[in-house]
Amino acid sequence: MKRIEHIKLYKVGEAVDILYADFNHQTTSPVLCRKITMLKAYIMYNDVRYIPEDIIGDLIVSIRKKEIRFKTEKIIAKKLESIKNFIKAYEQKHKKPPTKETNNINTNEILEAITQLKEEMKKMREQEQKELKEKNMEIIQLKEELKEKNTEITQLKEMMQKMTQTKFMHIHKSHSNTCNTKNI
């Protein structure tokens, strides 16, 4: 789709999709292309044929009968005339030099520089992804080490707790033994 302010221009394949989706009209690209050519329902813009959005709905009719075809051609011609006038006015306001005229050494150098920059950006993204993966792996490894250390700490705490309990029991037993000997 090409948009010129409020006017939308579609290629044939896109028009086929719109006809099917919006109008429930099933057709193929070659059939629609033939119909568009017969009805002259296209606009040439930058050496490419486009179908304006306003005309897509008119492409549903059967053009086998001459009367219907002529009526449809007139309707389309009126719509196309206003669209063409708008596009001409738009092009005059936003005048762009043709691509063929700008194909000089500077343009080629700029295009090469852009291509080179894109490649460098791609390499940088790949490098960043690689570094990110390495950092993630490092984080995972550190988490595992932390888990192991936590397990060791828990085991040591349990051992200390057992040791204090056994020490307390020994003290308690020895204290009770001394008490017993005094009572006798």
N, C-alpha and C. Protein backbone atom coordinates (compact mmCIF):
# COMPACT_ATOMS: atom_id res chain seq x y z
N MET A 1 0.84 -1.17 0.00
CA MET A 1 0.00 0.00 0.00
C MET A 1 0.89 1.23 0.00
N LYS A 2 0.50 2.18 -0.77
CA LYS A 2 1.17 3.47 -0.82
C LYS A 2 0.16 4.51 -0.40
N ARG A 3 0.57 5.40 0.48
CA ARG A 3 -0.36 6.40 0.99
C ARG A 3 0.12 7.78 0.56
N ILE A 4 -0.79 8.53 -0.03
CA ILE A 4 -0.53 9.92 -0.39
C ILE A 4 -1.57 10.73 0.36
N GLU A 5 -1.16 11.26 1.49
CA GLU A 5 -2.03 11.95 2.45
C GLU A 5 -3.24 11.06 2.77
N HIS A 6 -4.45 11.41 2.33
CA HIS A 6 -5.63 10.60 2.69
C HIS A 6 -5.97 9.55 1.64
N ILE A 7 -5.24 9.52 0.53
CA ILE A 7 -5.53 8.56 -0.55
C ILE A 7 -4.63 7.34 -0.37
N LYS A 8 -5.26 6.17 -0.40
CA LYS A 8 -4.52 4.92 -0.30
C LYS A 8 -4.51 4.25 -1.67
N LEU A 9 -3.31 3.85 -2.10
CA LEU A 9 -3.16 3.17 -3.38
C LEU A 9 -2.66 1.75 -3.10
N TYR A 10 -3.30 0.78 -3.77
CA TYR A 10 -2.97 -0.62 -3.54
C TYR A 10 -2.48 -1.28 -4.82
N LYS A 11 -1.64 -2.29 -4.63
CA LYS A 11 -1.24 -3.13 -5.76
C LYS A 11 -2.32 -4.18 -5.97
N VAL A 12 -2.23 -4.90 -7.08
CA VAL A 12 -3.29 -5.86 -7.44
C VAL A 12 -3.48 -6.92 -6.36
N GLY A 13 -2.39 -7.50 -5.88
CA GLY A 13 -2.50 -8.54 -4.86
C GLY A 13 -3.18 -8.05 -3.60
N GLU A 14 -2.86 -6.83 -3.21
CA GLU A 14 -3.50 -6.25 -2.03
C GLU A 14 -4.99 -6.01 -2.28
N ALA A 15 -5.32 -5.58 -3.49
CA ALA A 15 -6.72 -5.35 -3.84
C ALA A 15 -7.52 -6.65 -3.79
N VAL A 16 -6.91 -7.75 -4.24
CA VAL A 16 -7.57 -9.06 -4.18
C VAL A 16 -7.89 -9.40 -2.73
N ASP A 17 -6.93 -9.17 -1.83
CA ASP A 17 -7.15 -9.46 -0.41
C ASP A 17 -8.26 -8.59 0.17
N ILE A 18 -8.29 -7.32 -0.21
CA ILE A 18 -9.33 -6.40 0.30
C ILE A 18 -10.70 -6.82 -0.22
N LEU A 19 -10.78 -7.18 -1.49
CA LEU A 19 -12.06 -7.62 -2.05
C LEU A 19 -12.59 -8.84 -1.30
N TYR A 20 -11.69 -9.76 -0.96
CA TYR A 20 -12.12 -10.96 -0.25
C TYR A 20 -12.50 -10.63 1.20
N ALA A 21 -11.68 -9.83 1.86
CA ALA A 21 -11.91 -9.55 3.28
C ALA A 21 -13.10 -8.61 3.50
N ASP A 22 -13.16 -7.52 2.75
CA ASP A 22 -14.19 -6.51 3.01
C ASP A 22 -15.49 -6.75 2.25
N PHE A 23 -15.40 -7.28 1.04
CA PHE A 23 -16.59 -7.42 0.19
C PHE A 23 -17.01 -8.87 -0.03
N ASN A 24 -16.25 -9.82 0.56
CA ASN A 24 -16.53 -11.24 0.40
C ASN A 24 -16.61 -11.62 -1.08
N HIS A 25 -15.72 -11.05 -1.88
CA HIS A 25 -15.68 -11.29 -3.32
C HIS A 25 -14.36 -11.99 -3.63
N GLN A 26 -14.46 -13.24 -4.05
CA GLN A 26 -13.25 -14.02 -4.30
C GLN A 26 -12.86 -13.92 -5.77
N THR A 27 -11.60 -13.56 -6.01
CA THR A 27 -11.06 -13.46 -7.36
C THR A 27 -9.57 -13.72 -7.29
N THR A 28 -8.94 -13.78 -8.45
CA THR A 28 -7.49 -14.00 -8.49
C THR A 28 -6.81 -12.76 -9.06
N SER A 29 -5.53 -12.68 -8.87
CA SER A 29 -4.78 -11.52 -9.36
C SER A 29 -4.87 -11.36 -10.88
N PRO A 30 -4.70 -12.44 -11.67
CA PRO A 30 -4.79 -12.26 -13.12
C PRO A 30 -6.18 -11.78 -13.58
N VAL A 31 -7.22 -12.32 -12.98
CA VAL A 31 -8.59 -11.93 -13.36
C VAL A 31 -8.82 -10.47 -13.00
N LEU A 32 -8.41 -10.09 -11.81
CA LEU A 32 -8.59 -8.70 -11.38
C LEU A 32 -7.75 -7.75 -12.23
N CYS A 33 -6.56 -8.16 -12.57
CA CYS A 33 -5.68 -7.33 -13.41
C CYS A 33 -6.33 -7.08 -14.77
N ARG A 34 -6.91 -8.11 -15.34
CA ARG A 34 -7.59 -7.97 -16.64
C ARG A 34 -8.77 -7.02 -16.51
N LYS A 35 -9.55 -7.18 -15.44
CA LYS A 35 -10.72 -6.32 -15.22
C LYS A 35 -10.28 -4.86 -15.03
N ILE A 36 -9.23 -4.65 -14.27
CA ILE A 36 -8.72 -3.30 -14.03
C ILE A 36 -8.26 -2.66 -15.33
N THR A 37 -7.60 -3.44 -16.17
CA THR A 37 -7.13 -2.92 -17.45
C THR A 37 -8.30 -2.57 -18.36
N MET A 38 -9.31 -3.43 -18.40
CA MET A 38 -10.47 -3.17 -19.25
C MET A 38 -11.23 -1.92 -18.80
N LEU A 39 -11.32 -1.73 -17.47
CA LEU A 39 -12.06 -0.59 -16.94
C LEU A 39 -11.19 0.66 -16.79
N LYS A 40 -9.91 0.49 -17.05
CA LYS A 40 -8.94 1.59 -16.86
C LYS A 40 -9.04 2.13 -15.43
N ALA A 41 -9.07 1.22 -14.50
CA ALA A 41 -9.29 1.57 -13.09
C ALA A 41 -7.98 1.60 -12.31
N TYR A 42 -6.95 2.16 -12.87
CA TYR A 42 -5.67 2.22 -12.18
C TYR A 42 -5.04 3.59 -12.36
N ILE A 43 -4.08 3.86 -11.52
CA ILE A 43 -3.31 5.10 -11.59
C ILE A 43 -1.85 4.72 -11.69
N MET A 44 -1.14 5.37 -12.60
CA MET A 44 0.30 5.17 -12.71
C MET A 44 0.97 6.15 -11.75
N TYR A 45 1.71 5.63 -10.81
CA TYR A 45 2.43 6.47 -9.86
C TYR A 45 3.83 5.89 -9.71
N ASN A 46 4.83 6.68 -10.04
CA ASN A 46 6.23 6.22 -10.05
C ASN A 46 6.40 4.98 -10.92
N ASP A 47 5.79 4.99 -12.07
CA ASP A 47 5.87 3.91 -13.07
C ASP A 47 5.34 2.58 -12.55
N VAL A 48 4.43 2.62 -11.61
CA VAL A 48 3.79 1.40 -11.09
C VAL A 48 2.28 1.63 -11.11
N ARG A 49 1.54 0.58 -11.47
CA ARG A 49 0.08 0.67 -11.48
C ARG A 49 -0.46 0.43 -10.08
N TYR A 50 -1.29 1.35 -9.65
CA TYR A 50 -1.94 1.23 -8.35
C TYR A 50 -3.44 1.37 -8.51
N ILE A 51 -4.17 0.74 -7.59
CA ILE A 51 -5.63 0.84 -7.58
C ILE A 51 -6.01 1.68 -6.36
N PRO A 52 -6.69 2.81 -6.56
CA PRO A 52 -7.11 3.62 -5.42
C PRO A 52 -8.15 2.89 -4.57
N GLU A 53 -8.13 3.17 -3.30
CA GLU A 53 -9.05 2.52 -2.36
C GLU A 53 -10.51 2.80 -2.72
N ASP A 54 -10.80 3.99 -3.21
CA ASP A 54 -12.18 4.36 -3.55
C ASP A 54 -12.75 3.52 -4.69
N ILE A 55 -11.89 2.96 -5.51
CA ILE A 55 -12.34 2.24 -6.71
C ILE A 55 -12.47 0.74 -6.45
N ILE A 56 -11.86 0.24 -5.40
CA ILE A 56 -11.87 -1.21 -5.15
C ILE A 56 -13.29 -1.75 -5.06
N GLY A 57 -14.19 -1.02 -4.43
CA GLY A 57 -15.58 -1.47 -4.31
C GLY A 57 -16.29 -1.58 -5.65
N ASP A 58 -15.87 -0.79 -6.64
CA ASP A 58 -16.49 -0.83 -7.97
C ASP A 58 -16.02 -2.01 -8.81
N LEU A 59 -15.02 -2.72 -8.35
CA LEU A 59 -14.47 -3.84 -9.12
C LEU A 59 -15.24 -5.14 -8.89
N ILE A 60 -16.26 -5.10 -8.08
CA ILE A 60 -17.06 -6.30 -7.81
C ILE A 60 -18.00 -6.62 -8.96
N VAL A 61 -18.47 -5.60 -9.65
CA VAL A 61 -19.50 -5.81 -10.69
C VAL A 61 -18.98 -6.68 -11.83
N SER A 62 -19.90 -7.39 -12.43
CA SER A 62 -19.58 -8.21 -13.60
C SER A 62 -19.55 -7.29 -14.83
N ILE A 63 -18.51 -7.39 -15.63
CA ILE A 63 -18.39 -6.49 -16.79
C ILE A 63 -18.67 -7.22 -18.10
N ARG A 64 -19.41 -8.29 -18.04
CA ARG A 64 -19.72 -9.05 -19.26
C ARG A 64 -20.72 -8.30 -20.14
N LYS A 65 -21.62 -7.56 -19.53
CA LYS A 65 -22.59 -6.79 -20.31
C LYS A 65 -22.00 -5.41 -20.57
N LYS A 66 -22.15 -4.95 -21.82
CA LYS A 66 -21.55 -3.67 -22.22
C LYS A 66 -22.13 -2.50 -21.45
N GLU A 67 -23.43 -2.52 -21.22
CA GLU A 67 -24.07 -1.41 -20.52
C GLU A 67 -23.48 -1.22 -19.12
N ILE A 68 -23.37 -2.33 -18.41
CA ILE A 68 -22.83 -2.27 -17.05
C ILE A 68 -21.37 -1.84 -17.08
N ARG A 69 -20.63 -2.37 -18.06
CA ARG A 69 -19.22 -2.01 -18.18
C ARG A 69 -19.06 -0.51 -18.42
N PHE A 70 -19.86 0.07 -19.34
CA PHE A 70 -19.76 1.50 -19.65
C PHE A 70 -20.13 2.35 -18.43
N LYS A 71 -21.19 1.96 -17.72
CA LYS A 71 -21.58 2.70 -16.52
C LYS A 71 -20.46 2.66 -15.47
N THR A 72 -19.90 1.47 -15.30
CA THR A 72 -18.82 1.32 -14.32
C THR A 72 -17.60 2.13 -14.74
N GLU A 73 -17.29 2.13 -16.05
CA GLU A 73 -16.16 2.92 -16.55
C GLU A 73 -16.36 4.40 -16.26
N LYS A 74 -17.57 4.90 -16.45
CA LYS A 74 -17.85 6.32 -16.19
C LYS A 74 -17.68 6.66 -14.71
N ILE A 75 -18.22 5.79 -13.87
CA ILE A 75 -18.11 6.01 -12.42
C ILE A 75 -16.64 6.04 -12.01
N ILE A 76 -15.89 5.06 -12.50
CA ILE A 76 -14.46 4.96 -12.17
C ILE A 76 -13.70 6.16 -12.73
N ALA A 77 -14.04 6.58 -13.95
CA ALA A 77 -13.35 7.72 -14.57
C ALA A 77 -13.54 8.99 -13.74
N LYS A 78 -14.74 9.21 -13.23
CA LYS A 78 -15.00 10.39 -12.40
C LYS A 78 -14.16 10.34 -11.12
N LYS A 79 -14.14 9.18 -10.50
CA LYS A 79 -13.36 9.04 -9.27
C LYS A 79 -11.87 9.22 -9.54
N LEU A 80 -11.41 8.61 -10.65
CA LEU A 80 -9.98 8.70 -10.98
C LEU A 80 -9.56 10.13 -11.29
N GLU A 81 -10.43 10.88 -11.93
CA GLU A 81 -10.10 12.25 -12.30
C GLU A 81 -9.79 13.08 -11.05
N SER A 82 -10.63 12.98 -10.04
CA SER A 82 -10.38 13.75 -8.82
C SER A 82 -9.12 13.26 -8.10
N ILE A 83 -8.90 11.95 -8.12
CA ILE A 83 -7.72 11.39 -7.46
C ILE A 83 -6.45 11.83 -8.19
N LYS A 84 -6.47 11.79 -9.53
CA LYS A 84 -5.30 12.21 -10.31
C LYS A 84 -5.00 13.68 -10.08
N ASN A 85 -6.03 14.51 -10.02
CA ASN A 85 -5.81 15.94 -9.77
C ASN A 85 -5.18 16.15 -8.39
N PHE A 86 -5.66 15.42 -7.41
CA PHE A 86 -5.10 15.54 -6.07
C PHE A 86 -3.63 15.11 -6.05
N ILE A 87 -3.32 14.00 -6.73
CA ILE A 87 -1.94 13.51 -6.76
C ILE A 87 -1.03 14.51 -7.47
N LYS A 88 -1.50 15.11 -8.57
CA LYS A 88 -0.69 16.12 -9.27
C LYS A 88 -0.40 17.30 -8.34
N ALA A 89 -1.41 17.76 -7.64
CA ALA A 89 -1.21 18.87 -6.71
C ALA A 89 -0.24 18.48 -5.60
N TYR A 90 -0.36 17.27 -5.12
CA TYR A 90 0.54 16.78 -4.07
C TYR A 90 1.98 16.73 -4.57
N GLU A 91 2.17 16.22 -5.79
CA GLU A 91 3.52 16.13 -6.35
C GLU A 91 4.13 17.50 -6.57
N GLN A 92 3.32 18.48 -6.92
CA GLN A 92 3.84 19.83 -7.11
C GLN A 92 4.28 20.44 -5.77
N LYS A 93 3.52 20.16 -4.73
CA LYS A 93 3.88 20.67 -3.41
C LYS A 93 5.15 20.00 -2.88
N HIS A 94 5.20 18.69 -3.05
CA HIS A 94 6.30 17.89 -2.49
C HIS A 94 7.15 17.36 -3.64
N LYS A 95 7.76 18.26 -4.34
CA LYS A 95 8.51 17.86 -5.53
C LYS A 95 9.77 17.11 -5.11
N LYS A 96 9.94 15.92 -5.64
CA LYS A 96 11.13 15.12 -5.39
C LYS A 96 11.82 14.90 -6.73
N PRO A 97 13.13 15.00 -6.75
CA PRO A 97 13.82 14.75 -8.01
C PRO A 97 13.70 13.27 -8.37
N PRO A 98 13.55 12.97 -9.64
CA PRO A 98 13.46 11.57 -10.04
C PRO A 98 14.71 10.79 -9.64
N THR A 99 14.53 9.52 -9.40
CA THR A 99 15.64 8.68 -8.96
C THR A 99 16.73 8.60 -10.01
N LYS A 100 16.36 8.59 -11.27
CA LYS A 100 17.35 8.47 -12.34
C LYS A 100 18.30 9.66 -12.33
N GLU A 101 17.81 10.85 -12.03
CA GLU A 101 18.65 12.04 -12.01
C GLU A 101 19.60 12.04 -10.82
N THR A 102 19.21 11.46 -9.72
CA THR A 102 20.06 11.47 -8.53
C THR A 102 21.06 10.34 -8.52
N ASN A 103 21.06 9.48 -9.50
CA ASN A 103 22.03 8.39 -9.56
C ASN A 103 23.38 8.93 -10.00
N ASN A 104 24.07 9.56 -9.09
CA ASN A 104 25.41 10.04 -9.38
C ASN A 104 26.37 9.46 -8.36
N ILE A 105 27.60 9.91 -8.40
CA ILE A 105 28.63 9.33 -7.55
C ILE A 105 28.29 9.53 -6.07
N ASN A 106 27.83 10.71 -5.71
CA ASN A 106 27.52 10.98 -4.30
C ASN A 106 26.42 10.06 -3.80
N THR A 107 25.39 9.86 -4.59
CA THR A 107 24.29 8.99 -4.19
C THR A 107 24.79 7.56 -4.00
N ASN A 108 25.62 7.10 -4.94
CA ASN A 108 26.16 5.74 -4.83
C ASN A 108 27.03 5.61 -3.58
N GLU A 109 27.83 6.64 -3.29
CA GLU A 109 28.65 6.59 -2.08
C GLU A 109 27.78 6.55 -0.83
N ILE A 110 26.73 7.34 -0.84
CA ILE A 110 25.82 7.35 0.31
C ILE A 110 25.16 5.99 0.48
N LEU A 111 24.72 5.39 -0.62
CA LEU A 111 24.10 4.07 -0.54
C LEU A 111 25.08 3.03 -0.03
N GLU A 112 26.34 3.09 -0.49
CA GLU A 112 27.35 2.16 0.00
C GLU A 112 27.60 2.37 1.50
N ALA A 113 27.66 3.64 1.91
CA ALA A 113 27.88 3.93 3.32
C ALA A 113 26.72 3.41 4.17
N ILE A 114 25.50 3.58 3.68
CA ILE A 114 24.33 3.09 4.40
C ILE A 114 24.38 1.57 4.52
N THR A 115 24.74 0.91 3.43
CA THR A 115 24.85 -0.55 3.45
C THR A 115 25.90 -0.99 4.45
N GLN A 116 27.03 -0.30 4.44
CA GLN A 116 28.11 -0.64 5.37
C GLN A 116 27.66 -0.42 6.82
N LEU A 117 26.97 0.69 7.06
CA LEU A 117 26.47 0.95 8.42
C LEU A 117 25.48 -0.11 8.87
N LYS A 118 24.62 -0.55 7.96
CA LYS A 118 23.66 -1.60 8.30
C LYS A 118 24.39 -2.88 8.69
N GLU A 119 25.45 -3.22 7.93
CA GLU A 119 26.21 -4.43 8.24
C GLU A 119 26.90 -4.30 9.60
N GLU A 120 27.47 -3.11 9.86
CA GLU A 120 28.12 -2.89 11.15
C GLU A 120 27.11 -2.98 12.30
N MET A 121 25.93 -2.42 12.09
CA MET A 121 24.88 -2.50 13.11
C MET A 121 24.48 -3.95 13.36
N LYS A 122 24.40 -4.72 12.30
CA LYS A 122 24.03 -6.13 12.44
C LYS A 122 25.10 -6.86 13.25
N LYS A 123 26.38 -6.59 12.94
CA LYS A 123 27.47 -7.22 13.68
C LYS A 123 27.44 -6.81 15.14
N MET A 124 27.17 -5.52 15.40
CA MET A 124 27.10 -5.05 16.78
C MET A 124 25.96 -5.73 17.53
N ARG A 125 24.81 -5.89 16.87
CA ARG A 125 23.68 -6.58 17.51
C ARG A 125 24.04 -8.02 17.84
N GLU A 126 24.71 -8.68 16.88
CA GLU A 126 25.11 -10.07 17.11
C GLU A 126 26.08 -10.15 18.28
N GLN A 127 27.04 -9.20 18.34
CA GLN A 127 28.00 -9.17 19.43
C GLN A 127 27.30 -8.93 20.76
N GLU A 128 26.35 -8.01 20.77
CA GLU A 128 25.59 -7.74 22.00
C GLU A 128 24.81 -8.97 22.44
N GLN A 129 24.21 -9.67 21.49
CA GLN A 129 23.46 -10.88 21.82
C GLN A 129 24.40 -11.93 22.42
N LYS A 130 25.58 -12.05 21.82
CA LYS A 130 26.56 -13.03 22.31
C LYS A 130 26.98 -12.68 23.74
N GLU A 131 27.29 -11.39 23.97
CA GLU A 131 27.69 -10.95 25.31
C GLU A 131 26.56 -11.15 26.31
N LEU A 132 25.34 -10.88 25.88
CA LEU A 132 24.19 -11.06 26.75
C LEU A 132 24.03 -12.53 27.14
N LYS A 133 24.21 -13.42 26.17
CA LYS A 133 24.12 -14.86 26.47
C LYS A 133 25.20 -15.26 27.46
N GLU A 134 26.43 -14.74 27.25
CA GLU A 134 27.52 -15.07 28.16
C GLU A 134 27.21 -14.57 29.58
N LYS A 135 26.70 -13.36 29.69
CA LYS A 135 26.35 -12.81 31.00
C LYS A 135 25.25 -13.64 31.65
N ASN A 136 24.27 -14.05 30.86
CA ASN A 136 23.19 -14.89 31.40
C ASN A 136 23.74 -16.22 31.91
N MET A 137 24.66 -16.81 31.15
CA MET A 137 25.26 -18.07 31.58
C MET A 137 26.05 -17.85 32.88
N GLU A 138 26.76 -16.73 32.95
CA GLU A 138 27.53 -16.40 34.15
C GLU A 138 26.60 -16.22 35.35
N ILE A 139 25.48 -15.55 35.13
CA ILE A 139 24.49 -15.36 36.20
C ILE A 139 23.94 -16.70 36.66
N ILE A 140 23.63 -17.57 35.72
CA ILE A 140 23.11 -18.90 36.07
C ILE A 140 24.14 -19.66 36.89
N GLN A 141 25.41 -19.59 36.46
CA GLN A 141 26.48 -20.27 37.18
C GLN A 141 26.63 -19.71 38.60
N LEU A 142 26.58 -18.39 38.73
CA LEU A 142 26.68 -17.77 40.05
C LEU A 142 25.50 -18.16 40.94
N LYS A 143 24.32 -18.25 40.36
CA LYS A 143 23.14 -18.68 41.13
C LYS A 143 23.33 -20.10 41.65
N GLU A 144 23.88 -20.98 40.79
CA GLU A 144 24.12 -22.36 41.21
C GLU A 144 25.15 -22.40 42.35
N GLU A 145 26.22 -21.61 42.20
CA GLU A 145 27.23 -21.55 43.26
C GLU A 145 26.62 -21.02 44.55
N LEU A 146 25.79 -20.01 44.44
CA LEU A 146 25.12 -19.45 45.61
C LEU A 146 24.23 -20.49 46.28
N LYS A 147 23.54 -21.28 45.46
CA LYS A 147 22.68 -22.34 45.99
C LYS A 147 23.52 -23.36 46.77
N GLU A 148 24.68 -23.73 46.17
CA GLU A 148 25.56 -24.68 46.84
C GLU A 148 26.06 -24.12 48.17
N LYS A 149 26.45 -22.84 48.15
CA LYS A 149 26.94 -22.20 49.38
C LYS A 149 25.83 -22.14 50.43
N ASN A 150 24.62 -21.84 50.00
CA ASN A 150 23.49 -21.82 50.93
C ASN A 150 23.26 -23.20 51.54
N THR A 151 23.40 -24.22 50.72
CA THR A 151 23.26 -25.60 51.21
C THR A 151 24.34 -25.90 52.24
N GLU A 152 25.58 -25.49 51.94
CA GLU A 152 26.69 -25.71 52.89
C GLU A 152 26.42 -24.97 54.20
N ILE A 153 25.96 -23.73 54.08
CA ILE A 153 25.67 -22.93 55.28
C ILE A 153 24.59 -23.61 56.11
N THR A 154 23.57 -24.11 55.44
CA THR A 154 22.48 -24.80 56.14
C THR A 154 23.01 -26.04 56.85
N GLN A 155 23.87 -26.80 56.18
CA GLN A 155 24.45 -27.99 56.78
C GLN A 155 25.31 -27.63 57.99
N LEU A 156 26.12 -26.56 57.83
CA LEU A 156 26.96 -26.13 58.95
C LEU A 156 26.11 -25.68 60.14
N LYS A 157 25.03 -24.96 59.85
CA LYS A 157 24.13 -24.53 60.92
C LYS A 157 23.55 -25.74 61.65
N GLU A 158 23.15 -26.74 60.89
CA GLU A 158 22.59 -27.96 61.50
C GLU A 158 23.63 -28.66 62.36
N MET A 159 24.87 -28.72 61.83
CA MET A 159 25.94 -29.36 62.60
C MET A 159 26.21 -28.59 63.90
N MET A 160 26.23 -27.26 63.80
CA MET A 160 26.46 -26.44 65.00
C MET A 160 25.34 -26.63 66.00
N GLN A 161 24.13 -26.71 65.48
CA GLN A 161 22.98 -26.89 66.35
C GLN A 161 23.08 -28.25 67.05
N LYS A 162 23.47 -29.27 66.33
CA LYS A 162 23.63 -30.60 66.93
C LYS A 162 24.74 -30.59 67.98
N MET A 163 25.82 -29.89 67.63
CA MET A 163 26.95 -29.82 68.57
C MET A 163 26.55 -29.10 69.85
N THR A 164 25.83 -28.00 69.70
CA THR A 164 25.40 -27.28 70.91
C THR A 164 24.42 -28.12 71.71
N GLN A 165 23.59 -28.87 71.03
CA GLN A 165 22.64 -29.73 71.74
C GLN A 165 23.38 -30.83 72.50
N THR A 166 24.35 -31.46 71.83
CA THR A 166 25.10 -32.53 72.50
C THR A 166 25.93 -31.97 73.64
N LYS A 167 26.52 -30.78 73.45
CA LYS A 167 27.30 -30.15 74.51
C LYS A 167 26.39 -29.81 75.69
N PHE A 168 25.22 -29.29 75.38
CA PHE A 168 24.26 -28.97 76.43
C PHE A 168 23.84 -30.24 77.17
N MET A 169 23.67 -31.31 76.44
CA MET A 169 23.28 -32.58 77.06
C MET A 169 24.41 -33.11 77.94
N HIS A 170 25.66 -32.97 77.50
CA HIS A 170 26.79 -33.41 78.30
C HIS A 170 26.89 -32.59 79.58
N ILE A 171 26.68 -31.30 79.44
CA ILE A 171 26.72 -30.43 80.62
C ILE A 171 25.57 -30.79 81.55
N HIS A 172 24.44 -31.01 80.98
CA HIS A 172 23.27 -31.36 81.78
C HIS A 172 23.48 -32.70 82.49
N LYS A 173 24.06 -33.67 81.80
CA LYS A 173 24.32 -34.99 82.39
C LYS A 173 25.36 -34.88 83.50
N SER A 174 26.39 -34.14 83.22
CA SER A 174 27.43 -34.01 84.24
C SER A 174 26.89 -33.26 85.46
N HIS A 175 26.07 -32.32 85.22
CA HIS A 175 25.46 -31.58 86.32
C HIS A 175 24.52 -32.49 87.11
N SER A 176 23.78 -33.29 86.43
CA SER A 176 22.88 -34.21 87.11
C SER A 176 23.66 -35.29 87.85
N ASN A 177 24.81 -35.71 87.35
CA ASN A 177 25.65 -36.69 88.03
C ASN A 177 26.20 -36.11 89.33
N THR A 178 26.60 -34.89 89.29
CA THR A 178 27.13 -34.26 90.49
C THR A 178 26.04 -34.07 91.53
N CYS A 179 24.87 -33.78 91.07
CA CYS A 179 23.75 -33.62 91.99
C CYS A 179 23.40 -34.96 92.63
N ASN A 180 23.47 -36.01 91.89
CA ASN A 180 23.14 -37.33 92.39
C ASN A 180 24.16 -37.79 93.43
N THR A 181 25.39 -37.49 93.21
CA THR A 181 26.42 -37.92 94.16
C THR A 181 26.30 -37.17 95.47
N LYS A 182 25.86 -35.98 95.44
CA LYS A 182 25.69 -35.20 96.65
C LYS A 182 24.50 -35.71 97.46
N ASN A 183 23.50 -36.19 96.76
CA ASN A 183 22.31 -36.65 97.44
C ASN A 183 22.55 -37.98 98.14
N ILE A 184 23.50 -38.68 97.75
CA ILE A 184 23.71 -39.99 98.31
C ILE A 184 24.41 -39.92 99.59
